[in-house]
């Protein structure tokens, strides 16, 4: 039995592939149904932790309501990769030149930020801290379900790749409301 399970939130308003969603995007009716269909959870889970972003909090709250599991923490460590605000609500065909330039250089220089966005190094560092937080919280509360977002979850599961884990994460398929066991590589 795993001590930590990772789960992506349900589908949210305005979702489109390659779209940088605004943080306030809420779950859709379909997203709520996906969360319900994700039950039952794996055996042994005793607590939930969640990202503070609404679609993850809604997912965690619904699971808590349906299972009577407590939400023991809401942590910014579980938040989605912080895309620069210049791309929120946009798709690839409408990205501004500054973001396109950053994308071309981000792997060669993972510490480079685009405006107010999170660098790949920043994201990797936060994911490492998140892994430690999850293990500490599981020791304190028992087996956990951690509700978060596809990029952060994928980087977390590919920490051994360093900041370059972002590239693997951006190509990783992780369905809405899907949960997977987590172990630190």
Protein backbone atom coordinates (compact mmCIF):
# COMPACT_ATOMS: atom_id res chain seq x y z
CA UNK A 1 0.00 0.00 0.00
CA UNK A 2 1.29 3.47 -0.89
CA UNK A 3 1.50 6.14 1.81
CA UNK A 4 0.84 8.92 -0.70
CA UNK A 5 -1.51 9.06 -3.66
CA UNK A 6 -1.43 11.93 -6.14
CA UNK A 7 -4.61 13.08 -7.86
CA UNK A 8 -5.30 15.58 -10.56
CA UNK A 9 -8.34 17.81 -10.05
CA UNK A 10 -11.47 17.40 -12.18
CA UNK A 11 -12.23 19.21 -15.46
CA UNK A 12 -12.65 22.96 -15.13
CA UNK A 13 -14.31 25.84 -16.93
CA UNK A 14 -12.52 26.96 -20.08
CA UNK A 15 -10.15 23.98 -20.30
CA UNK A 16 -8.47 23.56 -23.68
CA UNK A 17 -5.21 21.74 -24.44
CA UNK A 18 -2.29 24.16 -24.35
CA UNK A 19 -4.40 26.75 -22.53
CA UNK A 20 -3.05 28.48 -19.43
CA UNK A 21 -6.15 28.62 -17.25
CA UNK A 22 -6.82 31.48 -14.89
CA UNK A 23 -6.43 30.34 -11.27
CA UNK A 24 -10.07 31.06 -10.45
CA UNK A 25 -11.43 28.57 -13.03
CA UNK A 26 -13.97 26.35 -11.25
CA UNK A 27 -14.88 22.71 -11.82
CA UNK A 28 -17.53 22.01 -14.42
CA UNK A 29 -20.45 19.63 -13.91
CA UNK A 30 -18.37 17.09 -15.86
CA UNK A 31 -15.46 17.74 -13.48
CA UNK A 32 -17.66 17.10 -10.45
CA UNK A 33 -18.85 13.84 -12.07
CA UNK A 34 -15.24 12.81 -12.76
CA UNK A 35 -14.40 13.30 -9.10
CA UNK A 36 -17.40 11.19 -8.03
CA UNK A 37 -16.39 8.44 -10.49
CA UNK A 38 -12.85 8.44 -9.06
CA UNK A 39 -14.24 6.78 -5.94
CA UNK A 40 -13.63 4.55 -4.17
CA UNK A 41 -10.17 5.76 -3.31
CA UNK A 42 -7.32 3.30 -2.83
CA UNK A 43 -7.52 1.47 0.50
CA UNK A 44 -5.97 3.03 3.54
CA UNK A 45 -6.09 6.74 2.71
CA UNK A 46 -6.82 8.62 5.93
CA UNK A 47 -6.42 12.30 4.99
CA UNK A 48 -6.36 14.78 2.11
CA UNK A 49 -4.03 17.66 1.27
CA UNK A 50 -4.73 20.06 -1.56
CA UNK A 51 -3.52 22.91 -3.69
CA UNK A 52 -5.14 26.26 -2.84
CA UNK A 53 -6.24 26.80 -6.46
CA UNK A 54 -10.06 26.55 -6.60
CA UNK A 55 -10.38 23.60 -9.00
CA UNK A 56 -8.14 21.48 -6.73
CA UNK A 57 -9.82 22.72 -3.53
CA UNK A 58 -13.24 21.89 -5.01
CA UNK A 59 -12.01 18.41 -5.93
CA UNK A 60 -10.60 17.83 -2.44
CA UNK A 61 -13.74 19.22 -0.77
CA UNK A 62 -16.03 16.95 -2.76
CA UNK A 63 -13.90 13.90 -1.96
CA UNK A 64 -13.85 14.90 1.71
CA UNK A 65 -17.63 15.29 1.69
CA UNK A 66 -18.22 11.93 -0.03
CA UNK A 67 -15.69 9.94 2.03
CA UNK A 68 -15.63 11.74 5.40
CA UNK A 69 -11.84 12.08 5.06
CA UNK A 70 -10.45 15.27 6.57
CA UNK A 71 -8.57 17.87 4.57
CA UNK A 72 -5.53 18.31 6.82
CA UNK A 73 -3.64 20.92 4.79
CA UNK A 74 -3.95 23.35 1.91
CA UNK A 75 -0.49 24.19 0.62
CA UNK A 76 0.91 26.45 -2.06
CA UNK A 77 3.57 23.77 -2.57
CA UNK A 78 0.83 21.83 -4.43
CA UNK A 79 -0.17 24.76 -6.66
CA UNK A 80 0.16 24.48 -10.44
CA UNK A 81 3.24 25.80 -12.22
CA UNK A 82 2.96 29.57 -12.09
CA UNK A 83 2.77 30.60 -15.73
CA UNK A 84 3.48 34.27 -16.41
CA UNK A 85 0.32 36.37 -16.24
CA UNK A 86 0.84 37.45 -19.88
CA UNK A 87 -0.27 33.96 -21.01
CA UNK A 88 -3.16 33.27 -18.64
CA UNK A 89 -6.28 32.61 -20.66
CA UNK A 90 -4.25 32.19 -23.88
CA UNK A 91 -3.34 29.29 -26.12
CA UNK A 92 -0.15 28.69 -28.11
CA UNK A 93 -1.33 30.56 -31.19
CA UNK A 94 -1.83 33.75 -29.15
CA UNK A 95 1.28 33.65 -26.91
CA UNK A 96 3.09 37.02 -26.83
CA UNK A 97 6.65 37.31 -28.23
CA UNK A 98 8.26 37.53 -24.75
CA UNK A 99 6.78 34.17 -23.78
CA UNK A 100 7.75 32.57 -27.09
CA UNK A 101 11.32 33.78 -26.59
CA UNK A 102 11.40 32.39 -23.04
CA UNK A 103 10.12 29.02 -24.24
CA UNK A 104 12.95 28.83 -26.77
CA UNK A 105 15.56 29.39 -24.02
CA UNK A 106 14.05 27.70 -20.94
CA UNK A 107 15.81 24.34 -21.24
CA UNK A 108 19.25 25.85 -21.88
CA UNK A 109 18.72 28.27 -18.98
CA UNK A 110 16.25 26.69 -16.51
CA UNK A 111 16.72 29.52 -13.99
CA UNK A 112 15.39 32.06 -16.50
CA UNK A 113 11.95 33.50 -15.68
CA UNK A 114 9.43 35.03 -18.03
CA UNK A 115 8.13 38.13 -16.30
CA UNK A 116 6.18 37.09 -13.18
CA UNK A 117 6.25 33.36 -14.03
CA UNK A 118 8.02 30.57 -12.22
CA UNK A 119 11.30 29.35 -13.73
CA UNK A 120 11.87 25.64 -14.32
CA UNK A 121 14.43 25.69 -11.50
CA UNK A 122 11.90 27.37 -9.19
CA UNK A 123 9.30 24.74 -10.07
CA UNK A 124 11.71 21.86 -9.50
CA UNK A 125 12.79 23.28 -6.15
CA UNK A 126 9.16 23.68 -5.09
CA UNK A 127 8.36 20.13 -6.23
CA UNK A 128 11.25 18.79 -4.09
CA UNK A 129 9.91 20.76 -1.12
CA UNK A 130 6.42 19.44 -1.89
CA UNK A 131 7.70 15.85 -1.84
CA UNK A 132 9.24 16.41 1.60
CA UNK A 133 6.01 18.08 2.79
CA UNK A 134 3.92 15.13 1.58
CA UNK A 135 6.15 12.57 3.31
CA UNK A 136 6.16 14.60 6.55
CA UNK A 137 2.36 14.99 6.42
CA UNK A 138 1.88 11.26 5.72
CA UNK A 139 4.03 10.41 8.75
CA UNK A 140 1.83 12.71 10.85
CA UNK A 141 -1.64 11.87 9.46
CA UNK A 142 -1.27 8.49 7.78
CA UNK A 143 -1.70 7.65 4.09
CA UNK A 144 -2.61 10.75 2.06
CA UNK A 145 -4.39 11.82 -1.06
CA UNK A 146 -2.72 14.94 -2.51
CA UNK A 147 -4.91 16.88 -4.95
CA UNK A 148 -2.99 19.07 -7.38
CA UNK A 149 -2.37 19.94 -11.04
CA UNK A 150 -0.89 18.08 -14.00
CA UNK A 151 2.42 19.95 -14.36
CA UNK A 152 3.27 19.95 -10.65
CA UNK A 153 2.21 16.30 -10.25
CA UNK A 154 4.27 15.25 -13.27
CA UNK A 155 7.36 17.17 -12.12
CA UNK A 156 6.93 15.62 -8.67
CA UNK A 157 6.97 12.13 -10.20
CA UNK A 158 10.04 12.96 -12.32
CA UNK A 159 12.18 14.81 -9.75
CA UNK A 160 15.27 12.80 -10.69
CA UNK A 161 15.34 14.63 -14.05
CA UNK A 162 16.06 17.96 -12.36
CA UNK A 163 14.58 21.16 -13.81
CA UNK A 164 14.26 19.36 -17.16
CA UNK A 165 11.41 17.36 -15.58
CA UNK A 166 9.17 20.18 -16.81
CA UNK A 167 9.57 19.01 -20.39
CA UNK A 168 8.56 15.45 -19.46
CA UNK A 169 5.72 16.88 -17.36
CA UNK A 170 4.39 18.97 -20.23
CA UNK A 171 4.05 15.81 -22.33
CA UNK A 172 2.67 13.57 -19.58
CA UNK A 173 -0.89 12.33 -19.89
CA UNK A 174 -2.68 12.57 -16.56
CA UNK A 175 -6.45 12.36 -16.82
CA UNK A 176 -8.78 14.56 -14.81
CA UNK A 177 -9.51 13.01 -11.38
CA UNK A 178 -6.93 10.25 -11.98
CA UNK A 179 -4.92 9.15 -8.95
CA UNK A 180 -1.54 7.41 -8.88
CA UNK A 181 0.73 6.19 -6.09
CA UNK A 182 3.73 8.40 -5.28
CA UNK A 183 7.15 7.35 -4.15
CA UNK A 184 10.24 9.50 -4.19
CA UNK A 185 12.68 8.27 -6.85
